[in-house]
Amino acid sequence: MNAEEIVLRNANAEAVVRPDIGRVISFRRAGGENRLWVAEDPVAFGNAVPLYGGVKILVAPELFWKQIRGRHLPDAETDGSPWTVLEKTDGSVTLKTFVKDVSASVCWRITLDAEQPVLTMDYTVERAGDNPFPVYLWSVAQAPLRGDVYVSREPHVEDIFANCIRQPALDEQVTHYEDLRALKFSGTGITVPLKLGSYGQWLAKIEHGEAFIICAPAPEKKPYLDGSNLQVFSWDGRYPFYEMEVTSPVHFLRAGESFSTQEKWLLTEISGSTPEEIIQQVQSKIQQVFPAAVKCE
């Protein structure tokens, strides 16, 4: 175990946090496989922005990175730099950092349920001083590029295809299940970058009868800069992982103002043999484990 790791463990699950790089790098059921992808060599894919894997968060909207920093670069303080450990208990750890380019502090509380394989992520972003740029909360979980990712879809919202993606390629990789309000994204075996966006409340990666589920707050009637609150990214020809992403609405905060949001992660067995059965089982598991909606304030 790395000296910087903080391990949260119950009888049924384990999560590993790396405050030194601002990541959750492992989430697994007891005796099971890590459902997050972790890089053996963080600079194997380029030196400019090392790829550590796990889950990271960003608060400066990607749309404004070049305006903020002069180059298309993510938040240095949240992405690969040390975070301060504010509090640690047997079941949780609270981290904090400050992103100077947007004058915002970020508090991240990671809590493992006392019994179930459920991880809760609570985030608070607070503006410290006046700044012209908006902020949001963008979480990016990298998971091994195996199996399929299912995404919930609000019935009244059209899907968006981000990053100038080639429509024909995405059509081949995405299956719509209109009656079940879900999409299936198959990101393996392709050589172009593909990103699917949707408005919904969950993403689920299915592999060998196990589901890694991320539950997000319901979409709000506020601006989402990516045109969606859920995204899945894949580029099989270059990266060995999916990116399962959740974004909050964009917030124009004054000094002293803040917003909070939450995600809940779940690991569970899935026995369905068809996409329809898988979707129905995922929805049923979410209703059983999370009867109340996740929070967003």
C-alpha atoms as a PDB file:
ATOM      1  CA  MET A   1       0.000   0.000   0.000  1.00  0.00           C
ATOM      2  CA  ASN A   2       1.247   3.491  -0.842  1.00  0.00           C
ATOM      3  CA  ALA A   3       2.106   5.539   2.243  1.00  0.00           C
ATOM      4  CA  GLU A   4      -0.253   8.275   1.051  1.00  0.00           C
ATOM      5  CA  GLU A   5      -3.281   5.986   0.752  1.00  0.00           C
ATOM      6  CA  ILE A   6      -6.289   6.225   3.045  1.00  0.00           C
ATOM      7  CA  VAL A   7      -8.365   3.038   3.073  1.00  0.00           C
ATOM      8  CA  LEU A   8     -12.083   3.016   3.914  1.00  0.00           C
ATOM      9  CA  ARG A   9     -13.395  -0.489   4.529  1.00  0.00           C
ATOM     10  CA  ASN A  10     -16.499  -2.334   5.687  1.00  0.00           C
ATOM     11  CA  ALA A  11     -17.400  -6.027   5.589  1.00  0.00           C
ATOM     12  CA  ASN A  12     -18.573  -5.794   1.978  1.00  0.00           C
ATOM     13  CA  ALA A  13     -16.472  -3.130   0.235  1.00  0.00           C
ATOM     14  CA  GLU A  14     -13.295  -1.081   0.192  1.00  0.00           C
ATOM     15  CA  ALA A  15     -12.376   2.347  -1.175  1.00  0.00           C
ATOM     16  CA  VAL A  16      -8.864   3.788  -1.418  1.00  0.00           C
ATOM     17  CA  VAL A  17      -8.215   7.547  -1.424  1.00  0.00           C
ATOM     18  CA  ARG A  18      -4.964   9.272  -2.479  1.00  0.00           C
ATOM     19  CA  PRO A  19      -4.945  12.823  -1.037  1.00  0.00           C
ATOM     20  CA  ASP A  20      -1.470  13.395  -2.508  1.00  0.00           C
ATOM     21  CA  ILE A  21      -2.929  13.377  -6.042  1.00  0.00           C
ATOM     22  CA  GLY A  22      -6.588  14.180  -5.321  1.00  0.00           C
ATOM     23  CA  ARG A  23      -8.060  10.842  -6.329  1.00  0.00           C
ATOM     24  CA  VAL A  24     -10.185   7.931  -5.270  1.00  0.00           C
ATOM     25  CA  ILE A  25      -8.117   5.207  -6.905  1.00  0.00           C
ATOM     26  CA  SER A  26     -10.012   2.071  -5.915  1.00  0.00           C
ATOM     27  CA  PHE A  27     -13.573   0.973  -5.251  1.00  0.00           C
ATOM     28  CA  ARG A  28     -14.244  -2.732  -4.957  1.00  0.00           C
ATOM     29  CA  ARG A  29     -16.462  -5.263  -3.286  1.00  0.00           C
ATOM     30  CA  ALA A  30     -14.779  -7.403  -0.614  1.00  0.00           C
ATOM     31  CA  GLY A  31     -12.494  -9.836  -2.414  1.00  0.00           C
ATOM     32  CA  GLY A  32     -13.454  -8.359  -5.785  1.00  0.00           C
ATOM     33  CA  GLU A  33     -11.760  -6.444  -8.573  1.00  0.00           C
ATOM     34  CA  ASN A  34     -11.154  -2.702  -8.534  1.00  0.00           C
ATOM     35  CA  ARG A  35     -13.854  -1.130 -10.706  1.00  0.00           C
ATOM     36  CA  LEU A  36     -11.699   1.919 -11.436  1.00  0.00           C
ATOM     37  CA  TRP A  37      -8.851   2.047 -13.939  1.00  0.00           C
ATOM     38  CA  VAL A  38      -5.476   3.047 -12.469  1.00  0.00           C
ATOM     39  CA  ALA A  39      -2.386   3.906 -14.525  1.00  0.00           C
ATOM     40  CA  GLU A  40       0.801   1.927 -14.008  1.00  0.00           C
ATOM     41  CA  ASP A  41       2.737   4.889 -15.430  1.00  0.00           C
ATOM     42  CA  PRO A  42       0.902   8.261 -15.185  1.00  0.00           C
ATOM     43  CA  VAL A  43       2.988   9.851 -17.975  1.00  0.00           C
ATOM     44  CA  ALA A  44       2.610   6.959 -20.427  1.00  0.00           C
ATOM     45  CA  PHE A  45      -0.050   8.916 -22.315  1.00  0.00           C
ATOM     46  CA  GLY A  46       1.806  12.268 -22.293  1.00  0.00           C
ATOM     47  CA  ASN A  47       3.783  14.500 -19.944  1.00  0.00           C
ATOM     48  CA  ALA A  48       1.609  17.654 -20.120  1.00  0.00           C
ATOM     49  CA  VAL A  49      -1.226  16.199 -18.022  1.00  0.00           C
ATOM     50  CA  PRO A  50      -0.386  12.888 -16.284  1.00  0.00           C
ATOM     51  CA  LEU A  51      -3.185  10.313 -16.202  1.00  0.00           C
ATOM     52  CA  TYR A  52      -3.406   8.700 -12.769  1.00  0.00           C
ATOM     53  CA  GLY A  53      -6.786   7.035 -13.210  1.00  0.00           C
ATOM     54  CA  GLY A  54      -9.437   6.645 -10.536  1.00  0.00           C
ATOM     55  CA  VAL A  55     -11.828   9.570 -10.130  1.00  0.00           C
ATOM     56  CA  LYS A  56     -10.872  13.244 -10.265  1.00  0.00           C
ATOM     57  CA  ILE A  57     -12.865  16.459  -9.984  1.00  0.00           C
ATOM     58  CA  LEU A  58     -12.551  19.819 -11.721  1.00  0.00           C
ATOM     59  CA  VAL A  59     -14.233  23.154 -11.037  1.00  0.00           C
ATOM     60  CA  ALA A  60     -13.058  25.538 -13.779  1.00  0.00           C
ATOM     61  CA  PRO A  61     -15.313  24.836 -16.789  1.00  0.00           C
ATOM     62  CA  GLU A  62     -13.384  23.283 -19.680  1.00  0.00           C
ATOM     63  CA  LEU A  63     -14.959  25.779 -22.070  1.00  0.00           C
ATOM     64  CA  PHE A  64     -12.925  28.553 -20.382  1.00  0.00           C
ATOM     65  CA  TRP A  65      -9.591  26.800 -19.776  1.00  0.00           C
ATOM     66  CA  LYS A  66      -7.758  28.593 -22.561  1.00  0.00           C
ATOM     67  CA  GLN A  67      -9.135  31.983 -21.487  1.00  0.00           C
ATOM     68  CA  ILE A  68      -8.214  31.331 -17.871  1.00  0.00           C
ATOM     69  CA  ARG A  69      -4.755  29.826 -18.389  1.00  0.00           C
ATOM     70  CA  GLY A  70      -3.711  30.682 -21.924  1.00  0.00           C
ATOM     71  CA  ARG A  71      -3.643  26.952 -22.741  1.00  0.00           C
ATOM     72  CA  HIS A  72      -6.184  24.130 -22.693  1.00  0.00           C
ATOM     73  CA  LEU A  73      -5.152  22.805 -19.280  1.00  0.00           C
ATOM     74  CA  PRO A  74      -7.244  21.473 -16.351  1.00  0.00           C
ATOM     75  CA  ASP A  75      -7.162  22.669 -12.738  1.00  0.00           C
ATOM     76  CA  ALA A  76      -3.630  22.027 -11.478  1.00  0.00           C
ATOM     77  CA  GLU A  77      -4.740  22.143  -7.826  1.00  0.00           C
ATOM     78  CA  THR A  78      -7.417  19.436  -8.124  1.00  0.00           C
ATOM     79  CA  ASP A  79      -5.859  17.299 -10.857  1.00  0.00           C
ATOM     80  CA  GLY A  80      -2.785  15.475  -9.540  1.00  0.00           C
ATOM     81  CA  SER A  81      -1.724  17.855  -6.757  1.00  0.00           C
ATOM     82  CA  PRO A  82      -1.907  17.303  -2.985  1.00  0.00           C
ATOM     83  CA  TRP A  83      -5.142  18.051  -1.130  1.00  0.00           C
ATOM     84  CA  THR A  84      -5.346  18.875   2.561  1.00  0.00           C
ATOM     85  CA  VAL A  85      -6.930  16.195   4.749  1.00  0.00           C
ATOM     86  CA  LEU A  86      -9.391  18.071   6.980  1.00  0.00           C
ATOM     87  CA  GLU A  87     -10.867  15.075   8.763  1.00  0.00           C
ATOM     88  CA  LYS A  88     -10.561  11.299   8.766  1.00  0.00           C
ATOM     89  CA  THR A  89     -12.811   8.775  10.500  1.00  0.00           C
ATOM     90  CA  ASP A  90     -13.223   5.005  10.147  1.00  0.00           C
ATOM     91  CA  GLY A  91     -15.781   5.501   7.375  1.00  0.00           C
ATOM     92  CA  SER A  92     -14.969   8.825   5.751  1.00  0.00           C
ATOM     93  CA  VAL A  93     -12.315  11.313   4.755  1.00  0.00           C
ATOM     94  CA  THR A  94     -12.726  15.006   3.958  1.00  0.00           C
ATOM     95  CA  LEU A  95     -10.309  16.741   1.572  1.00  0.00           C
ATOM     96  CA  LYS A  96      -9.907  20.403   0.650  1.00  0.00           C
ATOM     97  CA  THR A  97      -8.020  22.434  -1.942  1.00  0.00           C
ATOM     98  CA  PHE A  98      -8.077  25.906  -3.474  1.00  0.00           C
ATOM     99  CA  VAL A  99      -8.175  26.660  -7.214  1.00  0.00           C
ATOM    100  CA  LYS A 100      -6.577  30.080  -7.505  1.00  0.00           C
ATOM    101  CA  ASP A 101      -7.447  30.766 -11.170  1.00  0.00           C
ATOM    102  CA  VAL A 102     -11.155  30.862 -10.290  1.00  0.00           C
ATOM    103  CA  SER A 103     -10.689  31.895  -6.639  1.00  0.00           C
ATOM    104  CA  ALA A 104     -12.648  28.916  -5.322  1.00  0.00           C
ATOM    105  CA  SER A 105     -12.142  26.421  -2.502  1.00  0.00           C
ATOM    106  CA  VAL A 106     -13.292  22.837  -2.991  1.00  0.00           C
ATOM    107  CA  CYS A 107     -14.320  20.532  -0.141  1.00  0.00           C
ATOM    108  CA  TRP A 108     -14.725  16.823  -0.965  1.00  0.00           C
ATOM    109  CA  ARG A 109     -16.116  14.393   1.617  1.00  0.00           C
ATOM    110  CA  ILE A 110     -15.870  10.685   0.718  1.00  0.00           C
ATOM    111  CA  THR A 111     -17.975   8.331   2.862  1.00  0.00           C
ATOM    112  CA  LEU A 112     -18.237   4.546   2.711  1.00  0.00           C
ATOM    113  CA  ASP A 113     -21.511   3.117   4.019  1.00  0.00           C
ATOM    114  CA  ALA A 114     -21.170   1.186   7.268  1.00  0.00           C
ATOM    115  CA  GLU A 115     -22.366  -2.044   5.643  1.00  0.00           C
ATOM    116  CA  GLN A 116     -23.138  -1.764   1.936  1.00  0.00           C
ATOM    117  CA  PRO A 117     -20.817  -1.304  -1.084  1.00  0.00           C
ATOM    118  CA  VAL A 118     -21.972   2.317  -1.357  1.00  0.00           C
ATOM    119  CA  LEU A 119     -19.706   5.342  -1.586  1.00  0.00           C
ATOM    120  CA  THR A 120     -21.105   8.871  -1.136  1.00  0.00           C
ATOM    121  CA  MET A 121     -19.302  11.876  -2.610  1.00  0.00           C
ATOM    122  CA  ASP A 122     -20.271  15.250  -1.124  1.00  0.00           C
ATOM    123  CA  TYR A 123     -18.816  18.331  -2.813  1.00  0.00           C
ATOM    124  CA  THR A 124     -18.915  22.011  -1.861  1.00  0.00           C
ATOM    125  CA  VAL A 125     -17.426  24.800  -3.997  1.00  0.00           C
ATOM    126  CA  GLU A 126     -17.101  28.243  -2.396  1.00  0.00           C
ATOM    127  CA  ARG A 127     -15.950  31.481  -4.009  1.00  0.00           C
ATOM    128  CA  ALA A 128     -13.249  33.193  -1.952  1.00  0.00           C
ATOM    129  CA  GLY A 129     -12.984  36.416  -3.938  1.00  0.00           C
ATOM    130  CA  ASP A 130     -14.433  38.175  -6.956  1.00  0.00           C
ATOM    131  CA  ASN A 131     -13.687  36.406 -10.226  1.00  0.00           C
ATOM    132  CA  PRO A 132     -15.237  36.788 -13.703  1.00  0.00           C
ATOM    133  CA  PHE A 133     -15.320  33.070 -14.504  1.00  0.00           C
ATOM    134  CA  PRO A 134     -18.119  30.676 -13.532  1.00  0.00           C
ATOM    135  CA  VAL A 135     -17.525  27.378 -11.729  1.00  0.00           C
ATOM    136  CA  TYR A 136     -19.089  23.949 -11.718  1.00  0.00           C
ATOM    137  CA  LEU A 137     -18.385  20.489 -10.354  1.00  0.00           C
ATOM    138  CA  TRP A 138     -17.198  17.981 -12.948  1.00  0.00           C
ATOM    139  CA  SER A 139     -16.334  14.483 -11.719  1.00  0.00           C
ATOM    140  CA  VAL A 140     -14.551  12.076 -14.064  1.00  0.00           C
ATOM    141  CA  ALA A 141     -14.353   8.380 -13.134  1.00  0.00           C
ATOM    142  CA  GLN A 142     -12.067   6.253 -15.292  1.00  0.00           C
ATOM    143  CA  ALA A 143     -13.099   2.593 -15.504  1.00  0.00           C
ATOM    144  CA  PRO A 144     -11.483  -0.259 -17.501  1.00  0.00           C
ATOM    145  CA  LEU A 145     -12.584  -0.320 -21.139  1.00  0.00           C
ATOM    146  CA  ARG A 146     -14.539  -3.550 -20.915  1.00  0.00           C
ATOM    147  CA  GLY A 147     -18.258  -4.194 -21.133  1.00  0.00           C
ATOM    148  CA  ASP A 148     -20.885  -1.534 -21.845  1.00  0.00           C
ATOM    149  CA  VAL A 149     -22.026   1.644 -20.099  1.00  0.00           C
ATOM    150  CA  TYR A 150     -25.738   2.344 -19.683  1.00  0.00           C
ATOM    151  CA  VAL A 151     -26.931   5.926 -19.236  1.00  0.00           C
ATOM    152  CA  SER A 152     -30.320   7.145 -18.069  1.00  0.00           C
ATOM    153  CA  ARG A 153     -32.122   9.610 -20.291  1.00  0.00           C
ATOM    154  CA  GLU A 154     -34.861  12.101 -19.579  1.00  0.00           C
ATOM    155  CA  PRO A 155     -37.560  11.475 -22.221  1.00  0.00           C
ATOM    156  CA  HIS A 156     -38.071  15.139 -23.149  1.00  0.00           C
ATOM    157  CA  VAL A 157     -34.402  15.929 -23.845  1.00  0.00           C
ATOM    158  CA  GLU A 158     -32.482  15.159 -27.024  1.00  0.00           C
ATOM    159  CA  ASP A 159     -29.104  13.460 -26.657  1.00  0.00           C
ATOM    160  CA  ILE A 160     -26.070  15.577 -27.459  1.00  0.00           C
ATOM    161  CA  PHE A 161     -22.904  14.436 -29.161  1.00  0.00           C
ATOM    162  CA  ALA A 162     -20.022  16.454 -27.715  1.00  0.00           C
ATOM    163  CA  ASN A 163     -16.548  17.409 -28.909  1.00  0.00           C
ATOM    164  CA  CYS A 164     -17.364  17.504 -32.647  1.00  0.00           C
ATOM    165  CA  ILE A 165     -17.907  13.757 -32.678  1.00  0.00           C
ATOM    166  CA  ARG A 166     -18.643  11.932 -35.896  1.00  0.00           C
ATOM    167  CA  GLN A 167     -22.340  11.168 -35.895  1.00  0.00           C
ATOM    168  CA  PRO A 168     -22.152   7.900 -37.942  1.00  0.00           C
ATOM    169  CA  ALA A 169     -19.571   6.378 -35.583  1.00  0.00           C
ATOM    170  CA  LEU A 170     -21.647   7.224 -32.520  1.00  0.00           C
ATOM    171  CA  ASP A 171     -24.798   5.854 -34.093  1.00  0.00           C
ATOM    172  CA  GLU A 172     -23.060   2.491 -34.354  1.00  0.00           C
ATOM    173  CA  GLN A 173     -22.016   2.542 -30.699  1.00  0.00           C
ATOM    174  CA  VAL A 174     -25.257   3.738 -29.046  1.00  0.00           C
ATOM    175  CA  THR A 175     -28.544   1.859 -28.660  1.00  0.00           C
ATOM    176  CA  HIS A 176     -31.679   3.682 -27.497  1.00  0.00           C
ATOM    177  CA  TYR A 177     -34.225   2.055 -25.187  1.00  0.00           C
ATOM    178  CA  GLU A 178     -36.925   4.705 -25.265  1.00  0.00           C
ATOM    179  CA  ASP A 179     -39.512   2.894 -23.117  1.00  0.00           C
ATOM    180  CA  LEU A 180     -36.918   2.329 -20.378  1.00  0.00           C
ATOM    181  CA  ARG A 181     -35.481   5.849 -20.599  1.00  0.00           C
ATOM    182  CA  ALA A 182     -31.925   4.630 -21.114  1.00  0.00           C
ATOM    183  CA  LEU A 183     -29.096   4.335 -23.622  1.00  0.00           C
ATOM    184  CA  LYS A 184     -26.385   1.716 -24.060  1.00  0.00           C
ATOM    185  CA  PHE A 185     -22.900   2.905 -25.051  1.00  0.00           C
ATOM    186  CA  SER A 186     -20.418   0.344 -26.397  1.00  0.00           C
ATOM    187  CA  GLY A 187     -16.989   1.962 -26.451  1.00  0.00           C
ATOM    188  CA  THR A 188     -14.735  -0.937 -27.368  1.00  0.00           C
ATOM    189  CA  GLY A 189     -13.241  -1.636 -30.786  1.00  0.00           C
ATOM    190  CA  ILE A 190     -13.365   1.949 -32.099  1.00  0.00           C
ATOM    191  CA  THR A 191     -10.536   4.184 -33.244  1.00  0.00           C
ATOM    192  CA  VAL A 192     -12.106   7.641 -32.996  1.00  0.00           C
ATOM    193  CA  PRO A 193     -12.902   9.620 -29.832  1.00  0.00           C
ATOM    194  CA  LEU A 194     -16.574   9.336 -28.935  1.00  0.00           C
ATOM    195  CA  LYS A 195     -18.506  11.122 -26.223  1.00  0.00           C
ATOM    196  CA  LEU A 196     -22.178  10.637 -25.438  1.00  0.00           C
ATOM    197  CA  GLY A 197     -24.080  13.177 -23.358  1.00  0.00           C
ATOM    198  CA  SER A 198     -27.492  12.785 -21.771  1.00  0.00           C
ATOM    199  CA  TYR A 199     -29.722  14.361 -19.147  1.00  0.00           C
ATOM    200  CA  GLY A 200     -30.509  11.796 -16.474  1.00  0.00           C
ATOM    201  CA  GLN A 201     -29.702  10.485 -12.987  1.00  0.00           C
ATOM    202  CA  TRP A 202     -27.435   7.468 -13.372  1.00  0.00           C
ATOM    203  CA  LEU A 203     -24.659   5.757 -15.294  1.00  0.00           C
ATOM    204  CA  ALA A 204     -23.916   2.037 -14.960  1.00  0.00           C
ATOM    205  CA  LYS A 205     -20.927   0.112 -16.285  1.00  0.00           C
ATOM    206  CA  ILE A 206     -21.781  -3.576 -16.672  1.00  0.00           C
ATOM    207  CA  GLU A 207     -19.073  -6.218 -16.765  1.00  0.00           C
ATOM    208  CA  HIS A 208     -19.252  -9.969 -16.038  1.00  0.00           C
ATOM    209  CA  GLY A 209     -22.484  -9.722 -14.080  1.00  0.00           C
ATOM    210  CA  GLU A 210     -21.457  -6.788 -11.905  1.00  0.00           C
ATOM    211  CA  ALA A 211     -22.634  -3.192 -12.118  1.00  0.00           C
ATOM    212  CA  PHE A 212     -20.695  -0.086 -11.126  1.00  0.00           C
ATOM    213  CA  ILE A 213     -23.424   2.534 -10.744  1.00  0.00           C
ATOM    214  CA  ILE A 214     -23.033   6.293 -10.320  1.00  0.00           C
ATOM    215  CA  CYS A 215     -26.155   8.177  -9.225  1.00  0.00           C
ATOM    216  CA  ALA A 216     -26.296  11.933  -9.833  1.00  0.00           C
ATOM    217  CA  PRO A 217     -28.694  14.731  -8.865  1.00  0.00           C
ATOM    218  CA  ALA A 218     -31.695  15.229 -11.120  1.00  0.00           C
ATOM    219  CA  PRO A 219     -31.055  17.767 -13.893  1.00  0.00           C
ATOM    220  CA  GLU A 220     -32.008  21.294 -12.877  1.00  0.00           C
ATOM    221  CA  LYS A 221     -33.446  24.143 -14.902  1.00  0.00           C
ATOM    222  CA  LYS A 222     -30.041  25.827 -15.006  1.00  0.00           C
ATOM    223  CA  PRO A 223     -27.345  26.075 -17.695  1.00  0.00           C
ATOM    224  CA  TYR A 224     -25.158  23.034 -18.350  1.00  0.00           C
ATOM    225  CA  LEU A 225     -22.170  24.045 -20.445  1.00  0.00           C
ATOM    226  CA  ASP A 226     -21.811  20.598 -22.027  1.00  0.00           C
ATOM    227  CA  GLY A 227     -25.508  20.433 -22.898  1.00  0.00           C
ATOM    228  CA  SER A 228     -25.905  17.470 -20.528  1.00  0.00           C
ATOM    229  CA  ASN A 229     -25.240  16.401 -16.956  1.00  0.00           C
ATOM    230  CA  LEU A 230     -24.063  12.846 -17.732  1.00  0.00           C
ATOM    231  CA  GLN A 231     -21.366  11.892 -20.236  1.00  0.00           C
ATOM    232  CA  VAL A 232     -19.483   8.782 -21.300  1.00  0.00           C
ATOM    233  CA  PHE A 233     -16.212   9.065 -23.238  1.00  0.00           C
ATOM    234  CA  SER A 234     -14.212   6.383 -25.048  1.00  0.00           C
ATOM    235  CA  TRP A 235     -11.245   6.311 -27.425  1.00  0.00           C
ATOM    236  CA  ASP A 236     -10.254   2.663 -27.684  1.00  0.00           C
ATOM    237  CA  GLY A 237      -7.444   3.380 -30.104  1.00  0.00           C
ATOM    238  CA  ARG A 238      -5.680   5.551 -27.516  1.00  0.00           C
ATOM    239  CA  TYR A 239      -6.944   5.044 -23.947  1.00  0.00           C
ATOM    240  CA  PRO A 240      -7.729   1.755 -22.114  1.00  0.00           C
ATOM    241  CA  PHE A 241     -10.620   3.219 -20.135  1.00  0.00           C
ATOM    242  CA  TYR A 242     -14.107   4.661 -20.203  1.00  0.00           C
ATOM    243  CA  GLU A 243     -14.696   8.040 -18.614  1.00  0.00           C
ATOM    244  CA  MET A 244     -17.994   8.192 -16.726  1.00  0.00           C
ATOM    245  CA  GLU A 245     -18.672  11.860 -16.060  1.00  0.00           C
ATOM    246  CA  VAL A 246     -21.133  13.926 -14.036  1.00  0.00           C
ATOM    247  CA  THR A 247     -21.385  17.716 -14.255  1.00  0.00           C
ATOM    248  CA  SER A 248     -23.338  20.177 -12.175  1.00  0.00           C
ATOM    249  CA  PRO A 249     -24.958  23.270 -13.657  1.00  0.00           C
ATOM    250  CA  VAL A 250     -22.627  26.233 -14.063  1.00  0.00           C
ATOM    251  CA  HIS A 251     -22.674  28.729 -11.172  1.00  0.00           C
ATOM    252  CA  PHE A 252     -21.817  32.420 -11.273  1.00  0.00           C
ATOM    253  CA  LEU A 253     -20.792  32.912  -7.645  1.00  0.00           C
ATOM    254  CA  ARG A 254     -19.953  36.107  -5.802  1.00  0.00           C
ATOM    255  CA  ALA A 255     -17.346  36.160  -3.035  1.00  0.00           C
ATOM    256  CA  GLY A 256     -18.630  34.129  -0.083  1.00  0.00           C
ATOM    257  CA  GLU A 257     -21.275  32.248  -2.095  1.00  0.00           C
ATOM    258  CA  SER A 258     -21.156  28.483  -2.543  1.00  0.00           C
ATOM    259  CA  PHE A 259     -22.975  25.491  -3.945  1.00  0.00           C
ATOM    260  CA  SER A 260     -23.017  21.824  -2.955  1.00  0.00           C
ATOM    261  CA  THR A 261     -23.757  18.642  -4.851  1.00  0.00           C
ATOM    262  CA  GLN A 262     -23.582  14.910  -4.251  1.00  0.00           C
ATOM    263  CA  GLU A 263     -23.036  11.596  -6.015  1.00  0.00           C
ATOM    264  CA  LYS A 264     -23.657   8.072  -4.754  1.00  0.00           C
ATOM    265  CA  TRP A 265     -21.765   5.054  -6.061  1.00  0.00           C
ATOM    266  CA  LEU A 266     -22.959   1.463  -5.818  1.00  0.00           C
ATOM    267  CA  LEU A 267     -21.461  -1.933  -6.661  1.00  0.00           C
ATOM    268  CA  THR A 268     -23.958  -4.741  -7.146  1.00  0.00           C
ATOM    269  CA  GLU A 269     -24.526  -8.007  -8.982  1.00  0.00           C
ATOM    270  CA  ILE A 270     -26.652  -7.970 -12.134  1.00  0.00           C
ATOM    271  CA  SER A 271     -28.121 -11.183 -13.548  1.00  0.00           C
ATOM    272  CA  GLY A 272     -29.906  -9.843 -16.627  1.00  0.00           C
ATOM    273  CA  SER A 273     -28.977 -11.417 -19.959  1.00  0.00           C
ATOM    274  CA  THR A 274     -30.500  -8.778 -22.256  1.00  0.00           C
ATOM    275  CA  PRO A 275     -30.031  -4.994 -22.266  1.00  0.00           C
ATOM    276  CA  GLU A 276     -33.661  -4.540 -21.293  1.00  0.00           C
ATOM    277  CA  GLU A 277     -33.282  -6.842 -18.279  1.00  0.00           C
ATOM    278  CA  ILE A 278     -30.033  -5.121 -17.273  1.00  0.00           C
ATOM    279  CA  ILE A 279     -31.620  -1.665 -17.396  1.00  0.00           C
ATOM    280  CA  GLN A 280     -34.616  -2.804 -15.361  1.00  0.00           C
ATOM    281  CA  GLN A 281     -32.373  -4.417 -12.744  1.00  0.00           C
ATOM    282  CA  VAL A 282     -30.166  -1.318 -12.483  1.00  0.00           C
ATOM    283  CA  GLN A 283     -33.235   0.869 -11.999  1.00  0.00           C
ATOM    284  CA  SER A 284     -34.602  -1.545  -9.374  1.00  0.00           C
ATOM    285  CA  LYS A 285     -31.295  -1.625  -7.466  1.00  0.00           C
ATOM    286  CA  ILE A 286     -31.136   2.174  -7.415  1.00  0.00           C
ATOM    287  CA  GLN A 287     -34.676   2.399  -6.043  1.00  0.00           C
ATOM    288  CA  GLN A 288     -33.885  -0.190  -3.343  1.00  0.00           C
ATOM    289  CA  VAL A 289     -30.615   1.359  -2.166  1.00  0.00           C
ATOM    290  CA  PHE A 290     -31.318   5.053  -2.795  1.00  0.00           C
ATOM    291  CA  PRO A 291     -35.035   5.605  -2.167  1.00  0.00           C
ATOM    292  CA  ALA A 292     -34.424   9.348  -1.800  1.00  0.00           C
ATOM    293  CA  ALA A 293     -32.857  11.417  -4.543  1.00  0.00           C
ATOM    294  CA  VAL A 294     -29.250  12.519  -4.155  1.00  0.00           C
ATOM    295  CA  LYS A 295     -28.759  16.114  -3.032  1.00  0.00           C
ATOM    296  CA  CYS A 296     -27.942  19.272  -4.905  1.00  0.00           C
ATOM    297  CA  GLU A 297     -28.120  22.715  -3.305  1.00  0.00           C
END
